[in-house]
Amino acid sequence: MNCTEILMARDKMEEECGVFGIYSKDRSEVAQITYYGLYALQHRGQESAGISVSNFGEIVTYKGMGLTADVFTSKTLENLVGNAAIGHVRYSTTGASKLENAQPLESRYKLGQIAVAHNGNLTNAKIIRELLEDGGSTFNTTIDSEVIIKMIARKANGNVEDAIRSTVGAIKGAYALVILAGNKLVGVRDPYGIRPLCLGINENGDYILASESCAIDAVGGTLIRDILPGEMVIIDENGVKSIKYSENNKKAPCSFEHIYFARPDSIIDGLNVYESRVEAGRLLAKQMKVEADVVIGVPDSGVPAAIGFAEASGIPYAIGLIKNKYIGRTFIKPTQALREQAVMVKLNPLKVNLEGKRVVIIDDSLVRGTTSKILIEIIRKAGAKEVHFRSASPAVKHSCYFGIDTAHREELIASRLSVEEIRKEINADTLDYLTMENMLKSLKGCDYCVGCFNGEYPVDTPTEE
């Protein structure tokens, strides 16, 4: 690990970013609305934040490093005047964490100005970048998202809609895009729907695009529907126009959105995130019976599954770990002692609910195992007699190439150790993972991308593991 390893030793899958967009027929507080939308999506990325505002085609962009609340002030937002806006919060999976790689990306081209915000990873970005550079294009960033805006500019011979459609027909991988071009707001979701994107409306009739429905809720809007895989929507003064740019019929949304990334108050692809996590806990409880006194969840994403586990098992649920809500995304030095200290700062045991008890601890996943081991040690030091660990998702054995920051495969504990070996490694009395079958049941049996579990991806990956 290097000095950019984050709190809890990066023992979680990390989302790349969140996107937001709004279109109003009249000049309104679109920048302020976008700010609150990004605030609601802050869990998806904490490295940088940015907003581009279009004043009937004239675009101004402001972005910076850090959290949304740190980047923007009231005065900054007041100066961003227009009738449409897009916003972005970033967690980097491609390109370094620096201002030049913050989004939205903005450019002038033959049809005027354009701004793009992207969530996901392109698997053929390197090839396209080389072709564009051979054709004379120059790049200002090291992120794959820049090939999208450069390609749109290159293809813009007639109208921007055709240029966007041609571009998304050429790129491969995972993407949810929000684009400002002319007096239009455009939303695009990749052909498999790997990354989420939804459409909403507020009481003023302003249309909203967002990575998650919780952001639409946060700005007083109402969810209309999810953008379909392979769909592009163009929003302007005439309303919403839908174009199905891909005829692919195989949907494969990311299963980890429901397991960990998304806020529990979001609805993604028609499925309530909180309910799917509770159901995963219920199914997990039925897999391996355990005699215990209390069930606890690892805050925050493990809590709904713990509630479901307690309900199905009859073992009482209790709060066992208190989360420091103000820890943010703390960077630490790569020593074991400091990793343990970082976990203690973020999660402290509630001894009254643990001492002398046989404890079942539920987490959303078990990726590297480092945090799980430390948490079990913390619970034992709090006086627990036994600690039984349960993962509310299958074992993560493979890397992701579609917008999630995972470890190299050799760092994924389940790729090199058996369940029994992992149990010993993390010092649990028993260990169980949710089965693939039960995970899909919790997701209502729909088709999902499960490549990080079984190595079978819906799109060709850029490199072999």
Protein backbone atom coordinates (compact mmCIF):
# COMPACT_ATOMS: atom_id res chain seq x y z
CA MET A 1 0.00 0.00 0.00
CA ASN A 2 1.12 3.58 -0.60
CA CYS A 3 0.51 6.79 1.28
CA THR A 4 -2.71 7.47 -0.60
CA GLU A 5 -4.38 4.46 0.96
CA ILE A 6 -7.52 5.66 2.64
CA LEU A 7 -9.24 5.07 5.93
CA MET A 8 -9.84 1.44 6.80
CA ALA A 9 -7.07 0.42 4.40
CA ARG A 10 -9.31 0.83 1.37
CA ASP A 11 -11.02 -2.39 2.33
CA LYS A 12 -14.09 -1.50 0.31
CA MET A 13 -14.94 -1.29 -3.33
CA GLU A 14 -14.96 2.41 -4.21
CA GLU A 15 -17.35 4.09 -6.64
CA GLU A 16 -15.87 6.43 -9.24
CA CYS A 17 -18.31 9.34 -9.17
CA GLY A 18 -21.79 10.75 -9.23
CA VAL A 19 -23.42 12.94 -11.88
CA PHE A 20 -26.33 15.39 -11.76
CA GLY A 21 -28.08 17.58 -14.32
CA ILE A 22 -31.02 19.99 -14.45
CA TYR A 23 -32.82 21.83 -17.26
CA SER A 24 -35.12 24.81 -16.70
CA LYS A 25 -37.04 26.73 -19.35
CA ASP A 26 -36.26 29.96 -17.53
CA ARG A 27 -33.13 31.25 -15.81
CA SER A 28 -33.33 29.89 -12.28
CA GLU A 29 -31.12 28.77 -9.42
CA VAL A 30 -29.84 25.76 -11.34
CA ALA A 31 -26.36 26.02 -9.82
CA GLN A 32 -27.75 25.99 -6.28
CA ILE A 33 -30.00 23.03 -7.10
CA THR A 34 -27.06 21.17 -8.62
CA TYR A 35 -25.02 21.90 -5.50
CA TYR A 36 -27.62 20.18 -3.32
CA GLY A 37 -27.86 17.33 -5.79
CA LEU A 38 -24.10 16.78 -5.57
CA TYR A 39 -24.29 17.02 -1.79
CA ALA A 40 -26.74 14.10 -1.86
CA LEU A 41 -24.35 12.15 -4.11
CA GLN A 42 -21.24 12.92 -2.02
CA HIS A 43 -20.92 9.26 -0.98
CA ARG A 44 -20.04 8.43 -4.59
CA GLY A 45 -16.91 10.58 -4.69
CA GLN A 46 -15.03 12.89 -2.37
CA GLU A 47 -11.90 13.92 -4.30
CA SER A 48 -13.31 16.75 -6.39
CA ALA A 49 -16.55 18.49 -7.27
CA GLY A 50 -17.60 20.65 -10.21
CA ILE A 51 -20.56 22.40 -11.80
CA SER A 52 -21.03 23.65 -15.36
CA VAL A 53 -23.89 26.08 -16.02
CA SER A 54 -25.33 26.89 -19.44
CA ASN A 55 -26.97 30.27 -19.95
CA PHE A 56 -28.93 29.29 -23.07
CA GLY A 57 -25.78 27.83 -24.63
CA GLU A 58 -23.04 29.92 -23.01
CA ILE A 59 -21.27 27.64 -20.54
CA VAL A 60 -19.30 28.54 -17.41
CA THR A 61 -17.57 25.88 -15.27
CA TYR A 62 -16.31 25.98 -11.70
CA LYS A 63 -14.62 23.03 -9.99
CA GLY A 64 -12.14 22.26 -7.26
CA MET A 65 -10.56 19.57 -5.13
CA GLY A 66 -12.37 18.33 -2.04
CA LEU A 67 -15.94 17.93 -0.87
CA THR A 68 -18.84 19.79 -2.49
CA ALA A 69 -19.31 22.01 0.57
CA ASP A 70 -15.60 22.93 0.52
CA VAL A 71 -15.42 23.71 -3.20
CA PHE A 72 -18.47 25.98 -3.49
CA THR A 73 -19.50 29.11 -1.60
CA SER A 74 -22.74 31.06 -1.81
CA LYS A 75 -20.96 33.73 -3.84
CA THR A 76 -19.53 31.17 -6.25
CA LEU A 77 -22.96 29.71 -6.87
CA GLU A 78 -24.54 33.15 -7.33
CA ASN A 79 -22.08 33.83 -10.14
CA LEU A 80 -23.10 30.63 -11.96
CA VAL A 81 -26.20 31.90 -13.74
CA GLY A 82 -28.14 30.00 -16.37
CA ASN A 83 -31.07 27.78 -17.23
CA ALA A 84 -29.29 24.39 -17.25
CA ALA A 85 -26.46 22.81 -15.30
CA ILE A 86 -24.53 19.60 -14.82
CA GLY A 87 -22.46 18.56 -11.81
CA HIS A 88 -19.95 15.89 -10.86
CA VAL A 89 -18.35 14.42 -7.74
CA ARG A 90 -15.29 12.27 -8.36
CA TYR A 91 -13.47 9.31 -6.93
CA SER A 92 -10.60 8.51 -9.29
CA THR A 93 -10.15 5.08 -10.83
CA THR A 94 -8.39 6.34 -13.95
CA GLY A 95 -6.16 9.40 -13.84
CA ALA A 96 -4.49 10.99 -10.86
CA SER A 97 -6.33 12.89 -8.15
CA LYS A 98 -5.60 16.45 -9.29
CA LEU A 99 -7.58 19.47 -10.43
CA GLU A 100 -6.93 18.95 -14.14
CA ASN A 101 -8.82 15.65 -13.90
CA ALA A 102 -11.82 17.11 -12.06
CA GLN A 103 -15.11 17.20 -13.95
CA PRO A 104 -17.23 18.40 -15.71
CA LEU A 105 -14.92 18.75 -18.71
CA GLU A 106 -15.66 21.78 -20.89
CA SER A 107 -14.62 22.64 -24.43
CA ARG A 108 -15.32 24.99 -27.33
CA TYR A 109 -15.90 23.36 -30.70
CA LYS A 110 -17.40 24.17 -34.06
CA LEU A 111 -20.99 24.15 -32.77
CA GLY A 112 -20.29 26.29 -29.71
CA GLN A 113 -19.55 25.05 -26.20
CA ILE A 114 -19.97 21.65 -24.62
CA ALA A 115 -19.53 20.26 -21.08
CA VAL A 116 -19.51 16.57 -20.11
CA ALA A 117 -19.67 14.72 -16.79
CA HIS A 118 -19.04 10.96 -16.79
CA ASN A 119 -19.52 8.14 -14.30
CA GLY A 120 -17.88 4.86 -15.26
CA ASN A 121 -14.85 3.49 -17.08
CA LEU A 122 -14.27 3.04 -20.80
CA THR A 123 -12.54 -0.19 -21.76
CA ASN A 124 -11.33 1.07 -25.15
CA ALA A 125 -10.31 4.60 -24.09
CA LYS A 126 -6.61 4.04 -24.79
CA ILE A 127 -7.24 2.97 -28.38
CA ILE A 128 -9.60 5.87 -29.08
CA ARG A 129 -7.22 8.35 -27.47
CA GLU A 130 -4.36 7.18 -29.69
CA LEU A 131 -6.53 7.49 -32.80
CA LEU A 132 -7.62 10.99 -31.83
CA GLU A 133 -4.03 12.03 -31.08
CA ASP A 134 -2.94 10.65 -34.47
CA GLY A 135 -5.63 12.89 -35.95
CA GLY A 136 -4.26 15.99 -34.24
CA SER A 137 -6.23 16.11 -30.98
CA THR A 138 -4.44 17.19 -27.82
CA PHE A 139 -5.44 16.12 -24.32
CA ASN A 140 -5.34 18.13 -21.12
CA THR A 141 -6.14 15.34 -18.65
CA THR A 142 -5.20 11.73 -17.98
CA ILE A 143 -8.79 10.49 -17.54
CA ASP A 144 -10.71 8.34 -19.97
CA SER A 145 -13.67 10.77 -19.91
CA GLU A 146 -11.78 13.27 -22.08
CA VAL A 147 -11.95 10.99 -25.10
CA ILE A 148 -15.75 11.40 -24.99
CA ILE A 149 -15.75 15.20 -25.26
CA LYS A 150 -12.96 15.15 -27.88
CA MET A 151 -14.79 12.60 -29.95
CA ILE A 152 -18.07 14.52 -29.82
CA ALA A 153 -16.23 17.65 -30.99
CA ARG A 154 -14.55 15.70 -33.80
CA LYS A 155 -17.84 14.25 -35.03
CA ALA A 156 -19.91 17.45 -34.77
CA ASN A 157 -20.40 18.12 -38.47
CA GLY A 158 -24.16 18.54 -38.44
CA ASN A 159 -25.87 18.63 -35.05
CA VAL A 160 -24.71 17.69 -31.61
CA GLU A 161 -27.28 14.92 -31.14
CA ASP A 162 -25.82 12.99 -34.08
CA ALA A 163 -22.28 13.61 -32.78
CA ILE A 164 -23.17 12.24 -29.32
CA ARG A 165 -24.96 9.26 -30.82
CA SER A 166 -21.98 8.48 -33.04
CA THR A 167 -19.60 8.83 -30.10
CA VAL A 168 -21.47 6.49 -27.78
CA GLY A 169 -21.67 4.02 -30.61
CA ALA A 170 -17.87 3.89 -30.66
CA ILE A 171 -16.95 3.86 -26.96
CA LYS A 172 -17.14 0.65 -24.95
CA GLY A 173 -17.45 -0.02 -21.25
CA ALA A 174 -19.59 1.55 -18.56
CA TYR A 175 -20.90 5.08 -18.62
CA ALA A 176 -23.61 7.36 -17.39
CA LEU A 177 -23.20 10.76 -19.04
CA VAL A 178 -24.76 14.17 -18.51
CA ILE A 179 -23.93 16.68 -21.22
CA LEU A 180 -24.59 20.38 -21.79
CA ALA A 181 -24.52 21.30 -25.48
CA GLY A 182 -26.21 24.35 -26.95
CA ASN A 183 -29.47 24.88 -25.10
CA LYS A 184 -29.83 21.18 -24.36
CA LEU A 185 -29.23 18.79 -21.48
CA VAL A 186 -28.42 15.28 -22.64
CA GLY A 187 -28.30 12.08 -20.61
CA VAL A 188 -26.82 8.80 -21.86
CA ARG A 189 -26.62 5.36 -20.24
CA ASP A 190 -24.39 2.59 -21.58
CA PRO A 191 -25.95 -0.31 -23.54
CA TYR A 192 -25.83 -2.68 -20.56
CA GLY A 193 -26.93 -0.12 -17.97
CA ILE A 194 -23.90 -0.92 -15.83
CA ARG A 195 -23.79 2.55 -14.29
CA PRO A 196 -27.07 4.04 -13.03
CA LEU A 197 -28.88 7.15 -14.29
CA CYS A 198 -32.43 8.31 -13.63
CA LEU A 199 -34.83 11.05 -14.66
CA GLY A 200 -36.96 13.26 -12.41
CA ILE A 201 -38.98 16.45 -12.39
CA ASN A 202 -39.64 19.15 -9.80
CA GLU A 203 -42.75 21.21 -9.07
CA ASN A 204 -41.55 23.97 -11.43
CA GLY A 205 -41.40 21.51 -14.32
CA ASP A 206 -37.59 21.43 -14.38
CA TYR A 207 -36.21 18.09 -15.55
CA ILE A 208 -33.45 16.43 -13.52
CA LEU A 209 -30.90 13.71 -14.29
CA ALA A 210 -29.00 11.99 -11.49
CA SER A 211 -26.94 8.92 -10.67
CA GLU A 212 -29.37 8.09 -7.87
CA SER A 213 -32.96 8.98 -7.05
CA CYS A 214 -31.90 10.24 -3.60
CA ALA A 215 -30.43 13.30 -5.34
CA ILE A 216 -33.75 13.99 -7.04
CA ASP A 217 -35.47 13.70 -3.66
CA ALA A 218 -32.92 16.05 -2.10
CA VAL A 219 -33.83 18.90 -4.45
CA GLY A 220 -37.59 18.46 -4.06
CA GLY A 221 -38.07 16.47 -7.23
CA THR A 222 -40.04 13.35 -8.09
CA LEU A 223 -38.53 10.29 -9.76
CA ILE A 224 -40.03 9.64 -13.19
CA ARG A 225 -38.04 6.60 -14.27
CA ASP A 226 -34.60 5.15 -14.86
CA ILE A 227 -32.84 5.94 -18.11
CA LEU A 228 -32.86 2.64 -19.97
CA PRO A 229 -29.70 0.80 -20.98
CA GLY A 230 -28.74 2.03 -24.43
CA GLU A 231 -30.94 5.12 -24.17
CA MET A 232 -30.14 8.78 -24.80
CA VAL A 233 -32.51 11.52 -23.62
CA ILE A 234 -32.39 15.07 -24.98
CA ILE A 235 -33.99 17.70 -22.77
CA ASP A 236 -34.76 21.20 -24.08
CA GLU A 237 -37.60 23.72 -24.23
CA ASN A 238 -39.74 21.10 -25.99
CA GLY A 239 -39.46 18.58 -23.15
CA VAL A 240 -37.78 15.16 -23.14
CA LYS A 241 -36.98 13.23 -26.31
CA SER A 242 -35.83 9.62 -26.04
CA ILE A 243 -33.52 7.91 -28.51
CA LYS A 244 -32.64 4.22 -28.27
CA TYR A 245 -29.14 4.31 -29.71
CA SER A 246 -28.33 0.66 -28.98
CA GLU A 247 -30.43 -2.41 -29.67
CA ASN A 248 -28.57 -4.52 -27.11
CA ASN A 249 -31.13 -6.56 -25.15
CA LYS A 250 -28.84 -7.90 -22.43
CA LYS A 251 -29.06 -5.71 -19.34
CA ALA A 252 -26.32 -5.94 -16.72
CA PRO A 253 -26.58 -3.22 -14.05
CA CYS A 254 -23.88 -3.27 -11.39
CA SER A 255 -24.92 -5.51 -8.49
CA PHE A 256 -22.64 -3.60 -6.10
CA GLU A 257 -24.85 -0.52 -6.42
CA HIS A 258 -27.42 -2.37 -4.31
CA ILE A 259 -24.87 -4.08 -2.08
CA TYR A 260 -22.82 -1.04 -1.09
CA PHE A 261 -22.51 2.03 -3.33
CA ALA A 262 -25.99 3.48 -3.43
CA ARG A 263 -27.66 5.26 -0.56
CA PRO A 264 -30.35 3.06 1.03
CA ASP A 265 -33.02 5.68 0.26
CA SER A 266 -32.41 5.36 -3.49
CA ILE A 267 -34.40 3.38 -6.03
CA ILE A 268 -32.28 1.96 -8.83
CA ASP A 269 -33.77 0.17 -11.84
CA GLY A 270 -37.09 -0.01 -10.01
CA LEU A 271 -35.63 -1.75 -6.97
CA ASN A 272 -35.58 -0.16 -3.51
CA VAL A 273 -31.98 -0.34 -2.26
CA TYR A 274 -32.91 -0.61 1.42
CA GLU A 275 -35.39 -3.44 0.82
CA SER A 276 -32.89 -5.41 -1.26
CA ARG A 277 -30.30 -5.16 1.54
CA VAL A 278 -32.77 -6.25 4.21
CA GLU A 279 -33.80 -9.20 2.05
CA ALA A 280 -30.14 -10.16 1.56
CA GLY A 281 -29.82 -10.31 5.35
CA ARG A 282 -32.91 -12.50 5.67
CA LEU A 283 -31.57 -14.95 3.10
CA LEU A 284 -28.12 -14.92 4.70
CA ALA A 285 -29.62 -15.92 8.05
CA LYS A 286 -31.20 -19.01 6.50
CA GLN A 287 -27.95 -20.29 4.98
CA MET A 288 -26.01 -21.17 8.13
CA LYS A 289 -27.71 -21.42 11.50
CA VAL A 290 -25.85 -19.86 14.39
CA GLU A 291 -26.53 -19.63 18.11
CA ALA A 292 -25.89 -16.07 19.23
CA ASP A 293 -27.16 -13.36 21.55
CA VAL A 294 -27.04 -10.30 19.34
CA VAL A 295 -26.79 -9.24 15.67
CA ILE A 296 -24.96 -6.03 14.77
CA GLY A 297 -24.27 -4.31 11.45
CA VAL A 298 -21.20 -2.44 10.26
CA PRO A 299 -22.40 1.15 9.68
CA ASP A 300 -23.82 2.21 7.39
CA SER A 301 -24.33 -0.21 4.52
CA GLY A 302 -24.23 -3.36 6.68
CA VAL A 303 -27.07 -2.24 8.95
CA PRO A 304 -30.09 -3.07 6.71
CA ALA A 305 -28.74 -6.60 6.13
CA ALA A 306 -28.22 -6.98 9.90
CA ILE A 307 -31.84 -5.99 10.48
CA GLY A 308 -32.97 -8.60 7.95
CA PHE A 309 -30.68 -11.23 9.50
CA ALA A 310 -32.09 -10.55 12.97
CA GLU A 311 -35.65 -10.74 11.69
CA ALA A 312 -35.13 -14.10 9.97
CA SER A 313 -32.96 -15.68 12.68
CA GLY A 314 -34.87 -14.46 15.73
CA ILE A 315 -31.63 -13.16 17.25
CA PRO A 316 -32.11 -9.63 18.61
CA TYR A 317 -30.65 -6.74 16.62
CA ALA A 318 -28.65 -4.10 18.46
CA ILE A 319 -26.29 -1.25 17.72
CA GLY A 320 -22.78 -2.56 18.30
CA LEU A 321 -20.58 -0.03 16.53
CA ILE A 322 -20.88 3.74 16.72
CA LYS A 323 -19.75 5.59 13.60
CA ASN A 324 -18.04 8.95 13.74
CA LYS A 325 -20.10 10.95 11.23
CA TYR A 326 -17.41 13.58 10.78
CA ILE A 327 -14.44 11.44 9.82
CA GLY A 328 -14.78 12.13 6.11
CA ARG A 329 -12.24 10.50 3.84
CA THR A 330 -9.11 10.49 5.98
CA PHE A 331 -5.77 9.64 4.37
CA ILE A 332 -3.36 7.71 6.56
CA LYS A 333 0.13 6.33 6.50
CA PRO A 334 0.45 2.65 5.56
CA THR A 335 1.38 1.15 8.92
CA GLN A 336 -0.67 -1.52 10.61
CA ALA A 337 -0.85 0.44 13.87
CA LEU A 338 -2.25 3.49 12.11
CA ARG A 339 -4.73 1.41 10.14
CA GLU A 340 -6.05 0.01 13.41
CA GLN A 341 -6.16 3.50 14.91
CA ALA A 342 -8.07 4.77 11.87
CA VAL A 343 -10.73 2.10 12.28
CA MET A 344 -11.03 2.94 15.98
CA VAL A 345 -11.55 6.60 15.11
CA LYS A 346 -14.27 5.75 12.63
CA LEU A 347 -16.01 2.88 14.46
CA ASN A 348 -16.09 2.52 18.23
CA PRO A 349 -17.71 -0.46 19.99
CA LEU A 350 -20.78 -0.01 22.17
CA LYS A 351 -19.57 -2.31 24.94
CA VAL A 352 -22.89 -2.51 26.77
CA ASN A 353 -24.34 -4.44 23.79
CA LEU A 354 -21.29 -6.66 23.25
CA GLU A 355 -19.76 -7.61 26.58
CA GLY A 356 -20.31 -11.26 27.44
CA LYS A 357 -22.32 -11.80 24.24
CA ARG A 358 -22.10 -14.15 21.29
CA VAL A 359 -22.10 -11.62 18.46
CA VAL A 360 -23.04 -11.93 14.78
CA ILE A 361 -21.52 -9.05 12.81
CA ILE A 362 -22.90 -8.30 9.32
CA ASP A 363 -21.02 -6.30 6.71
CA ASP A 364 -22.05 -5.59 3.13
CA SER A 365 -18.94 -7.33 1.76
CA LEU A 366 -15.51 -8.71 2.60
CA VAL A 367 -12.95 -7.49 0.07
CA ARG A 368 -9.39 -7.48 1.42
CA GLY A 369 -10.20 -8.69 4.91
CA THR A 370 -8.05 -6.12 6.69
CA THR A 371 -10.90 -4.11 8.18
CA SER A 372 -12.92 -7.21 9.04
CA LYS A 373 -9.99 -8.58 11.05
CA ILE A 374 -9.57 -5.30 12.94
CA LEU A 375 -13.31 -5.01 13.66
CA ILE A 376 -13.44 -8.52 15.05
CA GLU A 377 -10.51 -7.72 17.31
CA ILE A 378 -12.25 -4.53 18.48
CA ILE A 379 -15.43 -6.49 19.28
CA ARG A 380 -13.47 -9.15 21.17
CA LYS A 381 -11.68 -6.47 23.20
CA ALA A 382 -15.11 -5.07 24.05
CA GLY A 383 -15.84 -8.37 25.81
CA ALA A 384 -17.63 -10.48 23.20
CA LYS A 385 -17.45 -14.23 23.91
CA GLU A 386 -17.81 -15.22 20.26
CA VAL A 387 -17.77 -13.31 16.96
CA HIS A 388 -19.50 -14.75 13.90
CA PHE A 389 -18.88 -12.83 10.66
CA ARG A 390 -21.38 -12.69 7.80
CA SER A 391 -20.93 -11.02 4.42
CA ALA A 392 -24.16 -9.83 2.76
CA SER A 393 -22.65 -10.46 -0.68
CA PRO A 394 -20.74 -13.30 -2.34
CA ALA A 395 -16.94 -13.52 -2.14
CA VAL A 396 -15.22 -10.86 -4.26
CA LYS A 397 -12.65 -12.74 -6.34
CA HIS A 398 -12.11 -10.58 -9.43
CA SER A 399 -11.33 -6.98 -10.33
CA CYS A 400 -13.85 -4.56 -11.82
CA TYR A 401 -13.14 -2.62 -15.02
CA PHE A 402 -16.31 -0.55 -15.21
CA GLY A 403 -15.93 2.38 -12.85
CA ILE A 404 -15.21 0.74 -9.51
CA ASP A 405 -11.88 0.98 -7.78
CA THR A 406 -11.00 -2.56 -6.70
CA ALA A 407 -7.71 -4.02 -5.59
CA HIS A 408 -5.55 -6.07 -7.89
CA ARG A 409 -6.85 -9.60 -7.89
CA GLU A 410 -4.03 -10.91 -5.72
CA GLU A 411 -5.07 -8.43 -2.98
CA LEU A 412 -8.63 -9.80 -2.89
CA ILE A 413 -8.61 -12.23 -0.01
CA ALA A 414 -11.20 -14.62 -1.52
CA SER A 415 -9.13 -14.99 -4.71
CA ARG A 416 -6.32 -16.70 -2.82
CA LEU A 417 -7.82 -18.23 0.33
CA SER A 418 -10.68 -20.65 1.04
CA VAL A 419 -13.58 -19.65 3.28
CA GLU A 420 -12.04 -21.61 6.18
CA GLU A 421 -8.66 -19.97 5.61
CA ILE A 422 -10.31 -16.54 5.56
CA ARG A 423 -12.17 -17.35 8.77
CA LYS A 424 -8.86 -18.11 10.46
CA GLU A 425 -7.20 -15.05 8.93
CA ILE A 426 -9.82 -12.63 10.28
CA ASN A 427 -10.16 -14.59 13.57
CA ALA A 428 -13.91 -15.22 13.35
CA ASP A 429 -15.61 -18.14 15.10
CA THR A 430 -17.64 -18.78 11.95
CA LEU A 431 -17.81 -17.14 8.52
CA ASP A 432 -20.40 -17.21 5.76
CA TYR A 433 -20.94 -15.33 2.50
CA LEU A 434 -24.30 -14.74 0.83
CA THR A 435 -24.53 -17.18 -2.07
CA MET A 436 -24.83 -15.95 -5.64
CA GLU A 437 -28.26 -17.56 -5.86
CA ASN A 438 -29.50 -15.72 -2.79
CA MET A 439 -27.95 -12.43 -3.88
CA LEU A 440 -29.86 -12.61 -7.14
CA LYS A 441 -33.02 -13.46 -5.18
CA SER A 442 -32.54 -10.31 -3.12
CA LEU A 443 -32.24 -8.42 -6.41
CA LYS A 444 -35.53 -9.91 -7.63
CA GLY A 445 -33.80 -12.32 -9.99
CA CYS A 446 -32.93 -9.67 -12.58
CA ASP A 447 -29.81 -9.80 -14.74
CA TYR A 448 -26.89 -7.98 -13.12
CA CYS A 449 -23.17 -7.60 -13.70
CA VAL A 450 -21.53 -10.03 -11.27
CA GLY A 451 -18.05 -10.04 -12.78
CA CYS A 452 -16.34 -9.17 -9.49
CA PHE A 453 -17.77 -12.39 -8.04
CA ASN A 454 -17.39 -14.91 -10.87
CA GLY A 455 -15.15 -13.24 -13.46
CA GLU A 456 -17.87 -13.23 -16.13
CA TYR A 457 -18.21 -9.69 -17.51
CA PRO A 458 -20.88 -8.31 -19.84
CA VAL A 459 -18.29 -6.31 -21.83
CA ASP A 460 -14.80 -7.29 -22.95
CA THR A 461 -12.24 -6.16 -20.40
CA PRO A 462 -9.21 -4.07 -21.45
CA THR A 463 -6.62 -6.45 -19.98
CA GLU A 464 -6.47 -9.97 -18.75
CA GLU A 465 -6.20 -10.45 -14.98
